Amino acid sequence: MGEKSILIVEDEDSTRDTMIDLLSEVGYEVLGAQDGEEAMEMVEEHSFNLVITDLKMPKGNGLQVLEEVKKVNPQIMVIICTGYGTVDTAVKAMRLGAYDYITKPIKSEEMKLVVQRAMDYQSLQAENVLLQKQLKTKYRFKNLIGDSDLMQQVFQFIEKIAATSSTVLICGESGTGKELVAKAIHYNSDRKDEPMIPVNCGAIPEDLLESELFGYEKGAFTGALKTRIGRFELADRGTIFLDEIGDMSPALQVKILRVLQEHEFERVGGVKSIKVDIRIVAATHRDLEKAVKQGVFREDLYYRLNVIPITIPPLRERTSDIPLLTHHFMKKFNRGNEQNVKGVSQESMNALLRYHWPGNVRELENIIERMVTLKGEGIIEKEDLPEKLLGAEWSGGIPSLEIPESGISFNTAVSEFEKELMLRALNKTNWIKNRAAKLLQLKRTTLIEKMKKIQLTR
């Protein structure tokens, strides 16, 4: 049996045939069994997603079918069909593991709705299991999540450079996770047992930043009542992370250049040079090459910093990571806020995939926290999404793509775009490959081959 396969267990031939026709018309693969005994033989022979069983039948009633199905495969969903007088028994069946029940006479719209919900719930469970497995085994750097080719390249690069002491410049838009990359570099290096000291150069006023970085001697200025050690000194034998270094004033840039060249500095108001053994990791959301040309950033400092450059891709260029990130943040905020949100509906996930994410991963994290907090439990539906996500539509064609001054890999960009097209078509059709292929105007076999080539799985 293929995807979305159903077994109808019903002793009345006309009712069974009606149910088979009804569900076949909406795209399910459906088989029928006339009693519990035949049903169990078929469950052992075929791979079903869902079993719909009558309660009262010869050769094994619905509760027995439920019990045996769950023994064969606990992941198979079971829906009980019951007459008016046996609703209490159906409720008992749900306590034993049935997903839901429907009452006779069967109403077509009700049946289709209950079946769709069961299938969505099963897909959600399977996806959560897969994501959980990926998060445990595939991603070696704490809190750095990504399965896209672009992020895999970043992970591989971190592995290569972590053990060195070379200066690293991390570039990327705000919210892409530059500090997480800096931490991954530090905690996978030989300096991991020594401190990593972060400094946000854009958040500290210019007149205070120098004393924060280098410290000061007692009496160096009004209010300097005692000697204070600066961040460079605290980071000795470890790593200092200079975030948003592109916002630093030209005067301070000169002093940072000296630390990079000589690995020494003086405290504010001091005359004694202090030697330090540090690794410098810097980050910026600005285009430093452009800033050099404009005369607002020193060219010699730029080349000193840019020994090993790493560019973190924006979230809109790696949308295939969004389901994995969503699951990660949902788990985080469920645990932190004692909530029980189980997942995101397919319609909601489609909206997340369509959105442009100007705030990148940080924006996604904030939105997931808000939705988990407000929802509390259950599944996040389309109506739970913020208004700005509901208005996001993909217009087709080539998405907006800013080519950096340093250039871009044409083959990688085309590969990512092709992967995103397939992913969007599959999500839009609930991963029914035949329909996705039609949307993309491809043969089904061509789509499957392309999916295999890049290992694109649900």
Protein backbone atom coordinates (compact mmCIF):
# COMPACT_ATOMS: atom_id res chain seq x y z
CA MET A 1 0.00 0.00 0.00
CA GLY A 2 1.12 3.56 -0.70
CA GLU A 3 0.87 6.75 1.29
CA LYS A 4 -2.46 7.42 3.07
CA SER A 5 -3.85 3.88 2.94
CA ILE A 6 -7.02 2.90 4.81
CA LEU A 7 -8.67 -0.39 5.80
CA ILE A 8 -12.46 -0.40 6.29
CA VAL A 9 -13.69 -3.22 8.57
CA GLU A 10 -17.47 -3.57 8.20
CA ASP A 11 -19.69 -6.67 7.95
CA GLU A 12 -22.47 -4.94 5.98
CA ASP A 13 -21.42 -5.04 2.31
CA SER A 14 -23.36 -1.96 1.20
CA THR A 15 -22.04 0.20 4.06
CA ARG A 16 -18.49 -1.00 3.48
CA ASP A 17 -18.68 -0.30 -0.27
CA THR A 18 -20.12 3.18 0.33
CA MET A 19 -17.29 4.07 2.72
CA ILE A 20 -14.66 2.73 0.31
CA ASP A 21 -16.09 4.78 -2.58
CA LEU A 22 -16.38 7.92 -0.45
CA LEU A 23 -12.75 7.87 0.71
CA SER A 24 -11.34 6.69 -2.63
CA GLU A 25 -12.89 9.72 -4.32
CA VAL A 26 -10.82 12.09 -2.15
CA GLY A 27 -7.50 10.39 -2.93
CA TYR A 28 -7.05 7.63 -0.35
CA GLU A 29 -6.08 4.05 -1.14
CA VAL A 30 -8.84 1.98 0.49
CA LEU A 31 -9.35 -1.76 1.05
CA GLY A 32 -12.17 -3.54 2.83
CA ALA A 33 -12.55 -6.46 5.26
CA GLN A 34 -15.85 -8.09 6.24
CA ASP A 35 -14.89 -9.13 9.80
CA GLY A 36 -12.21 -8.85 12.46
CA GLU A 37 -10.46 -12.06 11.46
CA GLU A 38 -10.00 -10.98 7.84
CA ALA A 39 -8.98 -7.50 9.01
CA MET A 40 -6.08 -8.85 11.09
CA GLU A 41 -4.78 -10.94 8.19
CA MET A 42 -4.78 -7.81 5.99
CA VAL A 43 -3.07 -5.64 8.64
CA GLU A 44 -0.25 -8.16 8.87
CA GLU A 45 0.11 -8.32 5.06
CA HIS A 46 -0.22 -4.60 4.20
CA SER A 47 1.03 -1.30 5.61
CA PHE A 48 -2.03 0.78 6.55
CA ASN A 49 -2.07 4.32 7.93
CA LEU A 50 -5.61 4.06 9.26
CA VAL A 51 -8.15 1.38 10.20
CA ILE A 52 -11.86 2.25 10.43
CA THR A 53 -13.71 -0.57 12.17
CA ASP A 54 -17.29 -1.28 13.16
CA LEU A 55 -17.83 -2.18 16.82
CA LYS A 56 -20.20 -5.13 16.42
CA MET A 57 -19.09 -7.80 13.92
CA PRO A 58 -18.79 -11.56 13.68
CA LYS A 59 -15.33 -13.12 14.17
CA GLY A 60 -13.84 -10.36 16.28
CA ASN A 61 -15.47 -7.12 17.40
CA GLY A 62 -14.07 -3.59 17.01
CA LEU A 63 -12.32 -3.55 20.40
CA GLN A 64 -10.48 -6.76 19.54
CA VAL A 65 -9.47 -5.32 16.16
CA LEU A 66 -8.20 -2.19 17.94
CA GLU A 67 -6.15 -4.23 20.39
CA GLU A 68 -4.61 -6.46 17.70
CA VAL A 69 -3.85 -3.53 15.35
CA LYS A 70 -1.97 -1.71 18.11
CA LYS A 71 0.07 -4.86 18.78
CA VAL A 72 1.10 -5.08 15.13
CA ASN A 73 1.91 -1.36 14.80
CA PRO A 74 1.09 1.25 17.49
CA GLN A 75 1.44 4.02 14.86
CA ILE A 76 -1.65 2.87 12.90
CA MET A 77 -4.59 5.17 13.65
CA VAL A 78 -7.92 3.50 14.52
CA ILE A 79 -11.39 5.06 14.19
CA ILE A 80 -14.41 3.26 15.64
CA CYS A 81 -17.83 3.22 13.91
CA THR A 82 -20.68 2.83 16.34
CA GLY A 83 -24.46 2.85 16.49
CA TYR A 84 -26.43 5.27 18.64
CA GLY A 85 -26.67 2.96 21.65
CA THR A 86 -22.96 2.06 21.90
CA VAL A 87 -21.30 5.47 22.21
CA ASP A 88 -20.08 4.60 25.73
CA THR A 89 -18.22 1.61 24.28
CA ALA A 90 -16.68 3.85 21.63
CA VAL A 91 -15.44 6.22 24.36
CA LYS A 92 -13.92 3.20 26.09
CA ALA A 93 -12.19 2.34 22.80
CA MET A 94 -10.63 5.82 22.71
CA ARG A 95 -9.21 5.23 26.17
CA LEU A 96 -7.68 2.02 24.79
CA GLY A 97 -5.94 3.91 21.98
CA ALA A 98 -8.54 4.67 19.28
CA TYR A 99 -8.10 8.10 17.71
CA ASP A 100 -11.81 8.96 17.43
CA TYR A 101 -15.26 7.51 16.74
CA ILE A 102 -18.07 8.26 14.29
CA THR A 103 -21.70 7.32 14.69
CA LYS A 104 -23.99 5.54 12.24
CA PRO A 105 -25.64 6.33 9.93
CA ILE A 106 -22.40 7.63 8.38
CA LYS A 107 -22.40 11.27 7.31
CA SER A 108 -19.97 11.73 4.41
CA GLU A 109 -18.61 15.15 5.39
CA GLU A 110 -18.11 14.10 9.00
CA MET A 111 -16.24 10.97 7.94
CA LYS A 112 -13.95 12.87 5.57
CA LEU A 113 -13.18 15.45 8.27
CA VAL A 114 -12.40 12.86 10.98
CA VAL A 115 -10.23 10.84 8.56
CA GLN A 116 -8.31 13.96 7.46
CA ARG A 117 -7.67 14.90 11.09
CA ALA A 118 -6.43 11.40 11.87
CA MET A 119 -4.08 11.46 8.87
CA ASP A 120 -2.77 14.92 9.80
CA TYR A 121 -2.19 13.81 13.39
CA GLN A 122 -0.31 10.70 12.24
CA SER A 123 1.85 12.80 9.88
CA LEU A 124 2.56 15.18 12.73
CA GLN A 125 3.62 12.33 15.03
CA ALA A 126 5.87 10.82 12.36
CA GLU A 127 7.42 14.21 11.62
CA ASN A 128 8.06 14.86 15.31
CA VAL A 129 9.76 11.47 15.69
CA LEU A 130 11.95 12.20 12.65
CA LEU A 131 12.83 15.69 13.81
CA GLN A 132 13.60 14.43 17.31
CA LYS A 133 15.93 11.81 15.85
CA GLN A 134 17.64 14.40 13.65
CA LEU A 135 18.09 16.82 16.52
CA LYS A 136 19.68 14.09 18.64
CA THR A 137 22.02 12.62 16.06
CA LYS A 138 22.72 14.92 13.15
CA TYR A 139 23.51 18.31 14.61
CA ARG A 140 26.70 18.45 16.62
CA PHE A 141 26.66 22.10 17.64
CA LYS A 142 24.41 23.10 20.52
CA ASN A 143 21.45 25.27 19.44
CA LEU A 144 22.74 25.48 15.84
CA ILE A 145 19.97 23.84 13.83
CA GLY A 146 19.93 23.24 10.08
CA ASP A 147 19.60 20.50 7.49
CA SER A 148 19.94 22.70 4.39
CA ASP A 149 23.01 22.48 2.17
CA LEU A 150 23.97 26.04 3.12
CA MET A 151 23.97 25.26 6.86
CA GLN A 152 25.75 21.96 6.35
CA GLN A 153 28.54 23.94 4.67
CA VAL A 154 28.69 26.24 7.72
CA PHE A 155 28.89 23.22 10.07
CA GLN A 156 31.68 21.66 8.02
CA PHE A 157 33.56 24.95 8.02
CA ILE A 158 33.27 25.26 11.82
CA GLU A 159 34.70 21.75 12.21
CA LYS A 160 37.70 22.66 10.05
CA ILE A 161 38.58 25.94 11.78
CA ALA A 162 37.58 25.32 15.41
CA ALA A 163 40.89 23.72 16.38
CA THR A 164 42.97 26.62 14.99
CA SER A 165 43.68 29.97 16.64
CA SER A 166 42.99 32.03 13.52
CA THR A 167 40.84 35.15 13.70
CA VAL A 168 37.31 34.61 12.37
CA LEU A 169 34.90 37.17 10.89
CA ILE A 170 31.25 36.06 10.93
CA CYS A 171 28.97 37.97 8.54
CA GLY A 172 25.21 37.77 8.31
CA GLU A 173 21.98 39.65 8.79
CA SER A 174 20.66 40.38 12.28
CA GLY A 175 19.00 37.35 13.83
CA THR A 176 20.82 34.69 11.80
CA GLY A 177 22.68 33.27 14.81
CA LYS A 178 26.17 34.78 14.56
CA GLU A 179 26.80 34.47 18.30
CA LEU A 180 25.75 30.79 18.22
CA VAL A 181 28.36 30.19 15.51
CA ALA A 182 30.98 32.00 17.62
CA LYS A 183 30.11 29.77 20.59
CA ALA A 184 30.30 26.67 18.41
CA ILE A 185 33.79 27.69 17.30
CA HIS A 186 34.95 28.31 20.86
CA TYR A 187 33.43 25.23 22.50
CA ASN A 188 34.83 22.93 19.81
CA SER A 189 38.33 24.36 20.13
CA ASP A 190 41.27 23.67 22.43
CA ARG A 191 40.21 26.79 24.37
CA LYS A 192 36.83 25.35 25.35
CA ASP A 193 37.77 25.08 29.06
CA GLU A 194 38.76 28.76 29.17
CA PRO A 195 36.30 31.70 29.09
CA MET A 196 34.49 33.02 26.04
CA ILE A 197 33.82 36.72 26.62
CA PRO A 198 31.17 38.43 24.43
CA VAL A 199 31.10 42.16 23.78
CA ASN A 200 28.33 43.87 21.80
CA CYS A 201 30.21 46.80 20.29
CA GLY A 202 26.99 48.34 18.96
CA ALA A 203 25.13 48.27 22.29
CA ILE A 204 27.77 49.95 24.51
CA PRO A 205 28.16 53.77 24.23
CA GLU A 206 31.40 54.80 22.51
CA ASP A 207 32.78 56.63 25.57
CA LEU A 208 32.35 53.47 27.70
CA LEU A 209 33.38 50.82 25.18
CA GLU A 210 37.14 51.45 25.50
CA SER A 211 37.13 50.93 29.28
CA GLU A 212 34.88 47.87 28.85
CA LEU A 213 37.35 46.32 26.42
CA PHE A 214 40.66 47.28 28.04
CA GLY A 215 39.76 48.04 31.66
CA TYR A 216 41.09 51.07 33.56
CA GLU A 217 43.47 52.01 36.34
CA LYS A 218 42.35 53.56 39.61
CA GLY A 219 42.05 57.34 39.17
CA ALA A 220 42.08 57.18 35.36
CA PHE A 221 38.96 59.38 35.30
CA THR A 222 36.34 60.74 37.66
CA GLY A 223 34.58 57.81 39.28
CA ALA A 224 37.43 55.32 38.69
CA LEU A 225 37.74 54.48 42.38
CA LYS A 226 39.55 51.18 41.81
CA THR A 227 41.33 49.32 39.03
CA ARG A 228 38.99 47.37 36.77
CA ILE A 229 39.93 44.46 34.50
CA GLY A 230 38.60 44.73 30.93
CA ARG A 231 37.08 42.10 28.62
CA PHE A 232 40.35 41.39 26.76
CA GLU A 233 42.08 40.57 30.04
CA LEU A 234 39.18 38.38 31.18
CA ALA A 235 39.38 36.44 27.92
CA ASP A 236 43.08 35.55 28.39
CA ARG A 237 43.73 31.98 27.13
CA GLY A 238 40.17 31.92 25.82
CA THR A 239 38.11 33.66 23.13
CA ILE A 240 36.73 37.19 22.87
CA PHE A 241 33.66 37.68 20.68
CA LEU A 242 33.37 41.20 19.27
CA ASP A 243 29.79 41.39 18.04
CA GLU A 244 28.77 44.16 15.62
CA ILE A 245 32.37 45.30 15.21
CA GLY A 246 31.25 47.30 12.17
CA ASP A 247 29.68 49.83 14.57
CA MET A 248 33.00 50.57 16.32
CA SER A 249 34.45 54.10 16.10
CA PRO A 250 37.63 54.69 14.02
CA ALA A 251 39.58 55.64 17.18
CA LEU A 252 38.87 52.31 18.82
CA GLN A 253 39.53 50.44 15.59
CA VAL A 254 43.20 51.53 15.83
CA LYS A 255 43.50 50.03 19.31
CA ILE A 256 41.80 46.77 18.28
CA LEU A 257 44.25 46.54 15.37
CA ARG A 258 47.17 46.70 17.82
CA VAL A 259 45.71 43.87 19.92
CA LEU A 260 45.37 41.75 16.79
CA GLN A 261 48.96 42.49 15.74
CA GLU A 262 50.80 42.46 19.09
CA HIS A 263 48.38 40.65 21.45
CA GLU A 264 48.93 43.41 24.01
CA PHE A 265 47.23 46.61 25.22
CA GLU A 266 47.20 49.11 28.10
CA ARG A 267 44.34 49.77 30.47
CA VAL A 268 42.77 53.23 30.26
CA GLY A 269 45.03 55.51 32.33
CA GLY A 270 47.79 52.89 32.46
CA VAL A 271 51.29 52.74 31.02
CA LYS A 272 52.10 49.05 31.46
CA SER A 273 51.48 46.79 28.45
CA ILE A 274 49.45 43.70 29.24
CA LYS A 275 50.08 40.59 27.14
CA VAL A 276 47.15 38.27 26.41
CA ASP A 277 46.73 34.93 24.66
CA ILE A 278 43.35 35.24 23.01
CA ARG A 279 41.47 34.22 19.92
CA ILE A 280 39.36 36.97 18.38
CA VAL A 281 36.05 36.11 16.74
CA ALA A 282 34.23 39.15 15.32
CA ALA A 283 30.78 39.50 13.77
CA THR A 284 28.85 42.12 11.84
CA HIS A 285 25.64 42.56 9.89
CA ARG A 286 27.30 45.33 7.84
CA ASP A 287 29.14 45.04 4.53
CA LEU A 288 32.65 45.84 5.77
CA GLU A 289 34.14 46.00 2.25
CA LYS A 290 31.65 48.73 1.45
CA ALA A 291 32.42 50.45 4.77
CA VAL A 292 36.14 50.40 3.91
CA LYS A 293 35.42 52.08 0.55
CA GLN A 294 33.31 54.71 2.34
CA GLY A 295 36.16 55.40 4.76
CA VAL A 296 34.26 54.46 7.94
CA PHE A 297 36.14 51.21 8.60
CA ARG A 298 39.91 50.78 8.53
CA GLU A 299 41.17 48.70 5.62
CA ASP A 300 44.09 47.22 7.61
CA LEU A 301 41.75 46.14 10.42
CA TYR A 302 39.34 44.59 7.94
CA TYR A 303 42.07 42.40 6.46
CA ARG A 304 43.30 41.45 9.94
CA LEU A 305 39.78 40.38 10.91
CA ASN A 306 38.92 38.71 7.63
CA VAL A 307 41.45 35.85 7.95
CA ILE A 308 38.68 33.24 8.00
CA PRO A 309 35.29 34.62 6.88
CA ILE A 310 32.03 32.76 7.54
CA THR A 311 28.74 33.95 6.04
CA ILE A 312 25.53 32.82 7.76
CA PRO A 313 22.67 32.55 5.24
CA PRO A 314 19.40 34.35 5.99
CA LEU A 315 16.42 32.14 6.84
CA ARG A 316 14.63 32.98 3.58
CA GLU A 317 17.48 31.23 1.70
CA ARG A 318 17.19 28.05 3.77
CA THR A 319 13.44 27.56 4.23
CA SER A 320 13.88 23.78 4.36
CA ASP A 321 15.26 24.35 7.90
CA ILE A 322 12.03 25.99 9.11
CA PRO A 323 10.21 22.75 10.18
CA LEU A 324 13.26 21.62 12.15
CA LEU A 325 13.72 25.03 13.81
CA THR A 326 9.99 25.21 14.58
CA HIS A 327 10.11 21.83 16.31
CA HIS A 328 13.22 22.84 18.26
CA PHE A 329 11.71 26.11 19.51
CA MET A 330 8.34 24.48 20.27
CA LYS A 331 10.05 21.87 22.43
CA LYS A 332 12.09 24.58 24.15
CA PHE A 333 9.10 26.77 25.05
CA ASN A 334 6.85 23.84 25.96
CA ARG A 335 9.46 22.84 28.52
CA GLY A 336 10.21 26.37 29.72
CA ASN A 337 6.57 27.48 30.04
CA GLU A 338 5.10 24.09 31.03
CA GLN A 339 2.90 24.03 27.91
CA ASN A 340 1.81 21.07 25.78
CA VAL A 341 1.62 22.26 22.17
CA LYS A 342 2.07 19.14 20.04
CA GLY A 343 2.82 20.60 16.63
CA VAL A 344 1.86 22.79 13.69
CA SER A 345 -0.87 22.02 11.16
CA GLN A 346 0.16 21.65 7.50
CA GLU A 347 -1.64 24.89 6.60
CA SER A 348 0.24 26.76 9.34
CA MET A 349 3.56 25.28 8.25
CA ASN A 350 2.87 26.37 4.67
CA ALA A 351 2.39 29.93 5.96
CA LEU A 352 5.69 29.74 7.87
CA LEU A 353 7.44 28.54 4.71
CA ARG A 354 5.96 31.37 2.58
CA TYR A 355 6.92 34.22 4.94
CA HIS A 356 10.03 36.28 4.06
CA TRP A 357 11.52 36.35 7.64
CA PRO A 358 13.28 39.75 7.68
CA GLY A 359 14.21 39.07 11.34
CA ASN A 360 15.56 35.62 10.47
CA VAL A 361 15.83 32.83 13.07
CA ARG A 362 15.35 35.25 15.97
CA GLU A 363 12.02 36.36 14.52
CA LEU A 364 10.91 32.74 14.06
CA GLU A 365 11.89 31.96 17.66
CA ASN A 366 9.90 34.93 18.99
CA ILE A 367 6.82 33.98 16.96
CA ILE A 368 6.96 30.33 18.10
CA GLU A 369 7.31 31.45 21.74
CA ARG A 370 4.26 33.72 21.37
CA MET A 371 2.14 31.00 19.72
CA VAL A 372 3.11 28.31 22.24
CA THR A 373 2.38 30.66 25.15
CA LEU A 374 -1.03 31.72 23.81
CA LYS A 375 -2.09 28.26 22.54
CA GLY A 376 -1.10 26.31 25.64
CA GLU A 377 -1.92 22.89 24.20
CA GLY A 378 -3.02 21.10 21.04
CA ILE A 379 -1.95 21.92 17.50
CA ILE A 380 -1.20 25.40 16.16
CA GLU A 381 -3.77 26.11 13.43
CA LYS A 382 -3.85 28.84 10.82
CA GLU A 383 -6.01 31.09 13.01
CA ASP A 384 -3.29 31.01 15.71
CA LEU A 385 -0.73 32.65 13.41
CA PRO A 386 0.16 36.37 13.56
CA GLU A 387 -1.56 38.51 10.92
CA LYS A 388 1.67 39.23 9.03
CA LEU A 389 2.19 35.52 8.34
CA LEU A 390 -1.32 35.06 6.97
CA GLY A 391 -0.73 37.68 4.30
CA ALA A 392 2.49 36.11 3.04
CA GLU A 393 2.11 34.59 -0.41
CA TRP A 394 4.72 33.26 -2.80
CA SER A 395 4.25 34.81 -6.21
CA GLY A 396 6.43 32.35 -8.11
CA GLY A 397 9.40 33.24 -10.26
CA ILE A 398 12.84 33.86 -8.82
CA PRO A 399 12.78 35.11 -5.20
CA SER A 400 14.58 38.30 -4.28
CA LEU A 401 18.23 37.48 -3.78
CA GLU A 402 20.91 39.99 -2.89
CA ILE A 403 24.27 38.97 -4.30
CA PRO A 404 27.06 39.93 -1.85
CA GLU A 405 30.18 41.76 -2.96
CA SER A 406 32.18 38.60 -2.27
CA GLY A 407 30.08 36.73 -4.84
CA ILE A 408 27.82 33.68 -4.64
CA SER A 409 28.05 30.06 -5.73
CA PHE A 410 25.75 29.81 -8.76
CA ASN A 411 25.40 26.02 -8.51
CA THR A 412 24.60 26.15 -4.80
CA ALA A 413 22.03 28.92 -5.28
CA VAL A 414 20.31 27.03 -8.13
CA SER A 415 20.35 23.80 -6.09
CA GLU A 416 18.78 25.54 -3.09
CA PHE A 417 16.14 27.18 -5.29
CA GLU A 418 15.24 23.84 -6.91
CA LYS A 419 15.04 22.19 -3.50
CA GLU A 420 12.78 24.96 -2.19
CA LEU A 421 10.46 24.68 -5.22
CA MET A 422 10.03 20.95 -4.61
CA LEU A 423 9.55 21.47 -0.88
CA ARG A 424 6.84 24.09 -1.40
CA ALA A 425 5.00 21.93 -3.94
CA LEU A 426 5.15 18.90 -1.64
CA ASN A 427 3.94 20.89 1.37
CA LYS A 428 1.13 22.41 -0.70
CA THR A 429 -0.08 18.92 -1.72
CA ASN A 430 0.51 17.32 1.71
CA TRP A 431 3.43 15.34 0.20
CA ILE A 432 1.34 13.54 -2.42
CA LYS A 433 4.07 13.24 -5.05
CA ASN A 434 1.75 12.85 -8.04
CA ARG A 435 0.00 16.16 -7.28
CA ALA A 436 3.29 17.91 -6.48
CA ALA A 437 4.73 16.78 -9.83
CA LYS A 438 1.69 18.22 -11.64
CA LEU A 439 2.16 21.55 -9.84
CA LEU A 440 5.78 21.65 -10.97
CA GLN A 441 4.86 20.40 -14.47
CA LEU A 442 7.21 17.44 -14.04
CA LYS A 443 6.78 13.71 -14.49
CA ARG A 444 6.25 11.93 -11.18
CA THR A 445 9.36 9.80 -11.79
CA THR A 446 11.45 12.92 -12.47
CA LEU A 447 10.33 14.48 -9.17
CA ILE A 448 11.12 11.28 -7.26
CA GLU A 449 14.59 11.06 -8.83
CA LYS A 450 15.33 14.68 -7.92
CA MET A 451 14.13 14.06 -4.34
CA LYS A 452 16.37 10.99 -4.05
CA LYS A 453 19.36 12.89 -5.42
CA ILE A 454 19.20 15.54 -2.69
CA GLN A 455 17.75 13.16 -0.06
CA LEU A 456 14.62 15.26 0.34
CA THR A 457 12.31 13.46 2.77
CA ARG A 458 9.37 14.49 4.86
